Amino acid sequence: MLCRIIDFIFESSYFVFSGQIFLQIEGSAMGNPASPTLANIVMNYLISKCVKKLSFVIPVLKLYVDDTFIAVPNDKIDEFLETFNAFHPRIQFTLEKEVDNSIAFLDVQLIRKNDGTILTNWHTKATASNRVLNYFSHHPQIHKNNTIKNLCFRCYSLSSREFWPVNELKIKNILRKNNYPRKLINKIMHSYKHKFVETTRINTERREKDGIIYYKFPYIEGLSEKVGNLIKNQASNIKLAFYPLTKLENIYTKLKDSVPKLMTSNLVYQIPCKDCNLSYVGMTKQYLKNRIRQHKYDCQGKNIDKNEKTALAVHHFQENHNLDFDEVKILDKECNYHKRCISEMIHISIHDTMNIRTDTQKLSIIYNNLLREIK
């Protein structure tokens, strides 16, 4: 069964480019949730087979997806590379040798001393821009504090103690370039270092996270903090995880082809009337084109005596008005059914619609004042 699932994943990697549908013929698609897992399976299998064919023993081997750190004798490097590249013609490896007893692996610089011990140091590429969350950005203060703590984690957890002073200076330079106040930097760095020295990071995280339940909540400066404090006072084991409403995908040009409007699903839509200023608001899980087809069918004369008609069909027959299906508008996209119901009721309330009163009966009265202001 597992092999059939994997075959299905590889045979179903379709993508759209310039309005045409293509099938990926090699490998698993980038961005596919199954791709990292499949890569790990392949790499572990490959290594287990290739290592047995070598004429020497590998004392150290660390693997992270396709990045591998291996200790190999100098005179066996060619044998090692030939063995691994012979496994499959489409899986080819390149290697990087240590320079001056040092080599980078992911975010760590490994330094081999003469006595055989290995030191570690926090590594960043020479091309790194050193841009982090800017202090003046529209994010909650806890995000900015955690940016400092994340850099501290790299400094103290990835580095041997003798590299701490130079990495602390590195952190301060990065943060100052991103407009962090010097006083805040020193305060958080001092606190983090003291906690790191006194207790292990794992135990600290366990104590902080034990029994805590997190909920996503949009960040609006001045409002979200107050909501968070209200919840904290009522339930100490509940915390809000804030997220910004403005994302990079809203700013930069989208490289992927957009889905045609009529091929969109899980949405709230609006259809205007050609003969009056009313419109119909509905929701659907299926493709919008299929839902419109159903509406057009409901408006055919043979369905005039149908008992259960939508408000759209009732308006069409009672007022003898025609709906402008070509001008359908998508009001919201929401995969969750209950959230989509709420969105539909809200849009019915704030627009001049032909929907019946029962369409909004389940909308809580706590929205009334807000909806009145919007309308």
Protein backbone atom coordinates (compact mmCIF):
# COMPACT_ATOMS: atom_id res chain seq x y z
CA MET A 1 0.00 0.00 0.00
CA LEU A 2 2.83 2.42 0.86
CA CYS A 3 4.45 1.87 -2.52
CA ARG A 4 1.12 2.52 -4.25
CA ILE A 5 0.75 5.78 -2.33
CA ILE A 6 4.27 6.87 -3.32
CA ASP A 7 3.58 5.98 -6.97
CA PHE A 8 0.41 8.07 -6.83
CA ILE A 9 2.34 11.05 -5.41
CA PHE A 10 4.95 10.87 -8.18
CA GLU A 11 2.36 10.43 -10.91
CA SER A 12 0.17 13.31 -9.69
CA SER A 13 2.66 16.19 -9.64
CA TYR A 14 0.84 18.58 -11.97
CA PHE A 15 1.44 22.31 -12.22
CA VAL A 16 0.09 25.19 -14.31
CA PHE A 17 2.33 27.56 -16.27
CA SER A 18 1.07 30.18 -18.74
CA GLY A 19 -2.34 28.58 -18.71
CA GLN A 20 -1.04 25.12 -19.65
CA ILE A 21 -1.01 22.04 -17.41
CA PHE A 22 2.29 20.14 -17.13
CA LEU A 23 3.22 16.83 -15.50
CA GLN A 24 6.48 16.64 -13.57
CA ILE A 25 8.26 13.57 -14.94
CA GLU A 26 11.22 13.40 -12.54
CA GLY A 27 11.22 13.42 -8.75
CA SER A 28 8.75 14.73 -6.21
CA ALA A 29 7.45 18.28 -6.53
CA MET A 30 9.09 21.06 -4.53
CA GLY A 31 6.64 22.16 -1.86
CA ASN A 32 4.89 18.78 -1.75
CA PRO A 33 4.47 17.83 1.96
CA ALA A 34 5.59 14.29 1.16
CA SER A 35 8.85 15.34 -0.53
CA PRO A 36 11.05 15.69 2.63
CA THR A 37 9.85 12.33 3.95
CA LEU A 38 10.53 10.61 0.63
CA ALA A 39 13.97 12.25 0.44
CA ASN A 40 14.82 10.94 3.91
CA ILE A 41 13.72 7.41 2.97
CA VAL A 42 15.82 7.46 -0.21
CA MET A 43 18.91 8.90 1.48
CA ASN A 44 18.81 6.43 4.38
CA TYR A 45 18.39 3.54 1.98
CA LEU A 46 21.17 4.82 -0.29
CA ILE A 47 23.62 5.29 2.58
CA SER A 48 22.87 1.86 4.09
CA LYS A 49 23.66 0.21 0.75
CA CYS A 50 26.71 2.27 -0.24
CA VAL A 51 28.47 2.15 3.12
CA LYS A 52 28.59 -1.67 2.94
CA LYS A 53 30.47 -1.47 -0.37
CA LEU A 54 33.29 0.72 0.97
CA SER A 55 36.66 -0.82 1.85
CA PHE A 56 36.98 1.29 4.99
CA VAL A 57 34.92 2.19 8.07
CA ILE A 58 33.21 5.56 8.38
CA PRO A 59 33.57 6.74 12.00
CA VAL A 60 31.27 9.78 11.77
CA LEU A 61 28.18 10.32 9.61
CA LYS A 62 25.51 12.99 10.13
CA LEU A 63 22.61 13.42 7.72
CA TYR A 64 20.08 16.21 7.20
CA VAL A 65 17.95 15.41 4.10
CA ASP A 66 20.62 15.62 1.35
CA ASP A 67 23.30 17.47 3.37
CA THR A 68 25.74 14.95 4.80
CA PHE A 69 28.75 15.32 7.09
CA ILE A 70 31.14 12.36 6.83
CA ALA A 71 34.67 11.65 8.05
CA VAL A 72 36.62 9.93 5.25
CA PRO A 73 40.38 9.14 5.02
CA ASN A 74 42.19 11.41 2.54
CA ASP A 75 43.28 8.53 0.32
CA LYS A 76 39.70 7.10 0.14
CA ILE A 77 37.82 10.18 -1.06
CA ASP A 78 37.72 9.10 -4.73
CA GLU A 79 36.48 5.62 -3.79
CA PHE A 80 33.79 7.13 -1.58
CA LEU A 81 32.49 9.51 -4.27
CA GLU A 82 32.52 6.86 -7.02
CA THR A 83 30.61 4.39 -4.83
CA PHE A 84 27.85 6.84 -3.97
CA ASN A 85 27.50 8.23 -7.51
CA ALA A 86 27.25 4.70 -8.93
CA PHE A 87 24.10 3.97 -6.91
CA HIS A 88 21.74 5.61 -9.42
CA PRO A 89 22.46 7.77 -12.50
CA ARG A 90 19.93 10.42 -11.42
CA ILE A 91 21.36 10.76 -7.89
CA GLN A 92 24.77 12.41 -8.08
CA PHE A 93 26.83 13.84 -5.24
CA THR A 94 29.42 16.58 -4.99
CA LEU A 95 31.70 17.08 -2.02
CA GLU A 96 33.43 19.85 -0.15
CA LYS A 97 36.65 19.13 1.70
CA GLU A 98 37.77 20.77 4.92
CA VAL A 99 40.03 23.80 4.60
CA ASP A 100 42.50 24.54 7.41
CA ASN A 101 40.86 21.78 9.49
CA SER A 102 37.47 23.49 9.19
CA ILE A 103 34.24 22.83 7.28
CA ALA A 104 30.69 24.20 7.44
CA PHE A 105 27.68 21.92 7.94
CA LEU A 106 24.34 23.72 7.85
CA ASP A 107 24.60 26.58 10.42
CA VAL A 108 27.63 25.14 12.23
CA GLN A 109 31.32 25.56 11.52
CA LEU A 110 33.19 22.41 12.58
CA ILE A 111 36.84 22.93 13.55
CA ARG A 112 39.11 19.90 14.01
CA LYS A 113 41.86 20.39 16.59
CA ASN A 114 45.19 18.61 16.57
CA ASP A 115 44.19 16.38 19.48
CA GLY A 116 41.19 15.06 17.50
CA THR A 117 38.49 17.02 19.34
CA ILE A 118 36.01 19.14 17.40
CA LEU A 119 34.98 22.71 18.20
CA THR A 120 31.77 24.22 16.86
CA ASN A 121 30.97 27.78 15.92
CA TRP A 122 27.86 29.55 14.61
CA HIS A 123 28.26 29.80 10.83
CA THR A 124 26.72 32.31 8.41
CA LYS A 125 27.46 32.52 4.71
CA ALA A 126 29.53 35.39 3.38
CA THR A 127 26.54 36.44 1.27
CA ALA A 128 24.16 36.64 4.26
CA SER A 129 22.29 39.97 4.33
CA ASN A 130 21.90 39.87 8.14
CA ARG A 131 18.34 41.12 7.81
CA VAL A 132 16.00 40.10 10.61
CA LEU A 133 12.61 41.36 11.74
CA ASN A 134 12.98 45.15 11.83
CA TYR A 135 12.25 46.74 15.18
CA PHE A 136 9.95 49.33 13.57
CA SER A 137 7.85 46.70 11.76
CA HIS A 138 4.19 46.15 12.62
CA HIS A 139 4.67 43.09 14.84
CA PRO A 140 3.99 42.45 18.54
CA GLN A 141 6.86 43.16 20.91
CA ILE A 142 7.17 39.48 21.79
CA HIS A 143 8.14 38.72 18.16
CA LYS A 144 10.94 41.29 18.36
CA ASN A 145 12.13 39.95 21.72
CA ASN A 146 12.14 36.43 20.31
CA THR A 147 14.23 37.59 17.35
CA ILE A 148 16.96 38.55 19.82
CA LYS A 149 16.56 35.25 21.69
CA ASN A 150 16.79 33.27 18.46
CA LEU A 151 20.15 34.86 17.65
CA CYS A 152 21.28 34.18 21.22
CA PHE A 153 20.30 30.55 20.80
CA ARG A 154 22.58 30.30 17.76
CA CYS A 155 25.40 32.01 19.61
CA TYR A 156 25.34 29.87 22.76
CA SER A 157 23.90 26.55 21.56
CA LEU A 158 25.78 26.16 18.29
CA SER A 159 29.12 27.52 19.49
CA SER A 160 31.84 26.35 21.81
CA ARG A 161 32.28 28.68 24.77
CA GLU A 162 35.49 30.26 23.46
CA PHE A 163 33.54 31.72 20.49
CA TRP A 164 30.83 33.35 22.60
CA PRO A 165 32.43 36.84 22.88
CA VAL A 166 32.90 37.33 19.12
CA ASN A 167 29.39 35.97 18.41
CA GLU A 168 27.85 38.29 21.01
CA LEU A 169 29.42 41.22 19.16
CA LYS A 170 28.08 39.77 15.90
CA ILE A 171 24.55 39.66 17.33
CA LYS A 172 24.69 43.25 18.52
CA ASN A 173 25.87 44.48 15.11
CA ILE A 174 23.05 42.59 13.32
CA LEU A 175 20.38 43.92 15.68
CA ARG A 176 21.64 47.50 15.61
CA LYS A 177 21.47 47.46 11.78
CA ASN A 178 17.83 46.43 12.14
CA ASN A 179 17.05 49.36 14.51
CA TYR A 180 16.89 47.46 17.81
CA PRO A 181 17.52 49.66 20.88
CA ARG A 182 20.86 49.00 22.53
CA LYS A 183 19.27 48.84 25.99
CA LEU A 184 16.79 46.15 24.92
CA ILE A 185 19.54 44.11 23.21
CA ASN A 186 21.75 44.10 26.31
CA LYS A 187 18.86 43.29 28.65
CA ILE A 188 17.60 40.25 26.71
CA MET A 189 21.07 38.94 25.86
CA HIS A 190 22.15 39.11 29.51
CA SER A 191 18.97 37.36 30.66
CA TYR A 192 19.23 34.64 28.01
CA LYS A 193 22.89 33.94 28.69
CA HIS A 194 22.29 33.69 32.44
CA LYS A 195 19.41 31.24 31.91
CA PHE A 196 21.44 29.21 29.41
CA VAL A 197 24.37 28.84 31.79
CA GLU A 198 22.22 28.00 34.81
CA THR A 199 19.87 25.50 33.17
CA THR A 200 19.78 23.50 29.96
CA ARG A 201 17.70 24.82 27.08
CA ILE A 202 15.60 21.63 26.94
CA ASN A 203 14.51 21.80 30.57
CA THR A 204 13.72 25.49 30.24
CA GLU A 205 11.49 24.94 27.22
CA ARG A 206 9.69 22.07 28.92
CA ARG A 207 8.87 24.18 31.97
CA GLU A 208 7.69 27.09 29.82
CA LYS A 209 5.53 24.99 27.49
CA ASP A 210 4.11 22.47 29.97
CA GLY A 211 0.32 22.66 29.92
CA ILE A 212 0.17 25.80 27.75
CA ILE A 213 -2.37 25.93 24.91
CA TYR A 214 -1.68 28.34 22.03
CA TYR A 215 -4.25 29.88 19.66
CA LYS A 216 -3.56 31.86 16.49
CA PHE A 217 -4.74 35.47 16.66
CA PRO A 218 -4.27 38.33 14.16
CA TYR A 219 -2.04 41.15 15.37
CA ILE A 220 -3.52 44.66 15.50
CA GLU A 221 -1.35 47.06 17.46
CA GLY A 222 -3.02 48.25 20.66
CA LEU A 223 -5.93 45.79 20.39
CA SER A 224 -4.32 42.35 20.30
CA GLU A 225 -2.31 42.99 23.48
CA LYS A 226 -5.49 43.93 25.37
CA VAL A 227 -7.30 40.81 24.16
CA GLY A 228 -4.30 38.71 25.17
CA ASN A 229 -4.28 40.20 28.68
CA LEU A 230 -8.02 39.60 29.09
CA ILE A 231 -7.58 35.93 28.18
CA LYS A 232 -4.52 35.62 30.40
CA ASN A 233 -6.48 36.90 33.40
CA GLN A 234 -9.27 34.39 32.79
CA ALA A 235 -7.21 31.34 31.79
CA SER A 236 -3.51 31.24 32.68
CA ASN A 237 -2.87 28.15 30.53
CA ILE A 238 -4.02 29.84 27.32
CA LYS A 239 -1.79 32.12 25.24
CA LEU A 240 -2.34 33.88 21.94
CA ALA A 241 0.19 33.40 19.15
CA PHE A 242 -0.01 36.60 17.12
CA TYR A 243 0.49 36.68 13.35
CA PRO A 244 0.67 39.72 11.04
CA LEU A 245 -2.15 40.41 8.60
CA THR A 246 0.24 41.77 5.96
CA LYS A 247 2.44 39.07 4.44
CA LEU A 248 5.22 39.12 1.88
CA GLU A 249 2.96 37.37 -0.63
CA ASN A 250 0.69 40.42 -0.50
CA ILE A 251 3.56 42.74 -1.43
CA TYR A 252 5.64 40.95 -4.04
CA THR A 253 4.53 39.79 -7.47
CA LYS A 254 3.03 36.32 -7.45
CA LEU A 255 5.02 34.02 -9.73
CA LYS A 256 2.44 31.24 -9.87
CA ASP A 257 -0.45 31.39 -12.30
CA SER A 258 -3.63 32.45 -10.52
CA VAL A 259 -6.53 30.00 -10.46
CA PRO A 260 -9.34 31.09 -12.83
CA LYS A 261 -12.26 32.60 -10.90
CA LEU A 262 -14.77 29.99 -12.01
CA MET A 263 -12.39 27.17 -10.99
CA THR A 264 -12.14 28.45 -7.41
CA SER A 265 -13.76 26.49 -4.57
CA ASN A 266 -14.46 26.89 -0.83
CA LEU A 267 -15.70 30.45 -1.13
CA VAL A 268 -18.40 33.04 -0.48
CA TYR A 269 -19.70 34.66 -3.66
CA GLN A 270 -22.02 37.48 -4.76
CA ILE A 271 -24.23 37.56 -7.87
CA PRO A 272 -25.79 40.97 -8.77
CA CYS A 273 -29.25 41.46 -10.27
CA LYS A 274 -29.43 43.06 -13.72
CA ASP A 275 -32.73 44.82 -12.99
CA CYS A 276 -32.29 46.19 -9.43
CA ASN A 277 -29.61 47.04 -6.89
CA LEU A 278 -29.97 43.80 -4.93
CA SER A 279 -27.58 40.88 -5.08
CA TYR A 280 -27.48 37.28 -3.92
CA VAL A 281 -24.79 36.10 -1.49
CA GLY A 282 -24.06 32.39 -1.18
CA MET A 283 -21.28 29.98 -0.33
CA THR A 284 -20.06 26.77 -1.89
CA LYS A 285 -17.46 24.08 -1.40
CA GLN A 286 -17.50 23.06 -5.06
CA TYR A 287 -16.15 24.92 -8.08
CA LEU A 288 -17.85 28.26 -8.61
CA LYS A 289 -18.72 27.34 -12.21
CA ASN A 290 -20.67 24.31 -10.97
CA ARG A 291 -22.59 26.37 -8.43
CA ILE A 292 -23.50 28.97 -11.07
CA ARG A 293 -24.68 26.18 -13.37
CA GLN A 294 -27.02 25.03 -10.58
CA HIS A 295 -28.36 28.56 -10.13
CA LYS A 296 -29.02 28.88 -13.86
CA TYR A 297 -30.89 25.58 -13.82
CA ASP A 298 -33.01 26.72 -10.83
CA CYS A 299 -34.03 29.80 -12.83
CA GLN A 300 -35.43 27.78 -15.73
CA GLY A 301 -39.20 28.00 -16.21
CA LYS A 302 -39.79 24.32 -15.45
CA ASN A 303 -38.69 24.95 -11.84
CA ILE A 304 -41.13 27.79 -11.12
CA ASP A 305 -43.35 25.54 -8.98
CA LYS A 306 -40.48 23.87 -7.18
CA ASN A 307 -41.12 23.87 -3.41
CA GLU A 308 -37.60 24.49 -2.11
CA LYS A 309 -36.05 27.29 -4.12
CA THR A 310 -33.07 29.45 -3.27
CA ALA A 311 -33.63 33.14 -2.56
CA LEU A 312 -32.02 33.81 -5.93
CA ALA A 313 -34.62 31.72 -7.80
CA VAL A 314 -37.47 33.21 -5.75
CA HIS A 315 -36.32 36.73 -6.68
CA HIS A 316 -36.06 35.74 -10.36
CA PHE A 317 -39.58 34.33 -10.58
CA GLN A 318 -41.42 36.77 -8.28
CA GLU A 319 -39.86 39.98 -9.61
CA ASN A 320 -39.26 38.73 -13.16
CA HIS A 321 -35.66 39.92 -12.81
CA ASN A 322 -32.57 38.38 -14.35
CA LEU A 323 -29.32 37.69 -12.49
CA ASP A 324 -26.00 38.80 -13.96
CA PHE A 325 -24.05 35.53 -13.64
CA ASP A 326 -21.15 36.89 -15.71
CA GLU A 327 -20.44 39.49 -13.00
CA VAL A 328 -20.19 37.04 -10.11
CA LYS A 329 -17.75 38.26 -7.46
CA ILE A 330 -15.74 36.27 -4.90
CA LEU A 331 -16.14 37.88 -1.47
CA ASP A 332 -14.12 35.47 0.65
CA LYS A 333 -12.19 32.19 0.49
CA GLU A 334 -12.40 29.86 3.46
CA CYS A 335 -11.85 26.08 3.62
CA ASN A 336 -13.35 25.65 7.08
CA TYR A 337 -17.10 25.09 6.77
CA HIS A 338 -18.14 26.84 10.00
CA LYS A 339 -15.96 29.87 9.28
CA ARG A 340 -17.36 29.99 5.77
CA CYS A 341 -20.91 30.02 7.21
CA ILE A 342 -20.04 32.98 9.44
CA SER A 343 -18.44 34.81 6.53
CA GLU A 344 -21.53 34.27 4.38
CA MET A 345 -23.85 35.61 7.11
CA ILE A 346 -21.64 38.66 7.63
CA HIS A 347 -21.63 39.50 3.91
CA ILE A 348 -25.40 39.03 3.72
CA SER A 349 -25.74 41.49 6.61
CA ILE A 350 -23.53 44.23 5.15
CA HIS A 351 -24.80 44.08 1.55
CA ASP A 352 -28.21 44.86 0.05
CA THR A 353 -29.24 41.30 -0.74
CA MET A 354 -32.27 39.29 -1.83
CA ASN A 355 -31.41 36.63 0.75
CA ILE A 356 -34.13 35.71 3.25
CA ARG A 357 -33.96 36.62 6.92
CA THR A 358 -33.33 33.02 8.07
CA ASP A 359 -30.00 33.06 6.23
CA THR A 360 -28.48 35.12 9.07
CA GLN A 361 -30.37 33.77 12.09
CA LYS A 362 -27.35 31.90 13.46
CA LEU A 363 -25.09 34.97 13.44
CA SER A 364 -24.31 36.04 17.00
CA ILE A 365 -25.69 39.40 18.13
CA ILE A 366 -22.22 40.41 19.34
CA TYR A 367 -21.44 41.32 15.71
CA ASN A 368 -24.40 43.70 15.40
CA ASN A 369 -22.73 46.97 16.40
CA LEU A 370 -19.65 46.27 14.31
CA LEU A 371 -21.69 45.26 11.24
CA ARG A 372 -23.88 48.35 11.63
CA GLU A 373 -20.76 50.54 11.49
CA ILE A 374 -19.41 48.69 8.43
CA LYS A 375 -22.70 48.93 6.59
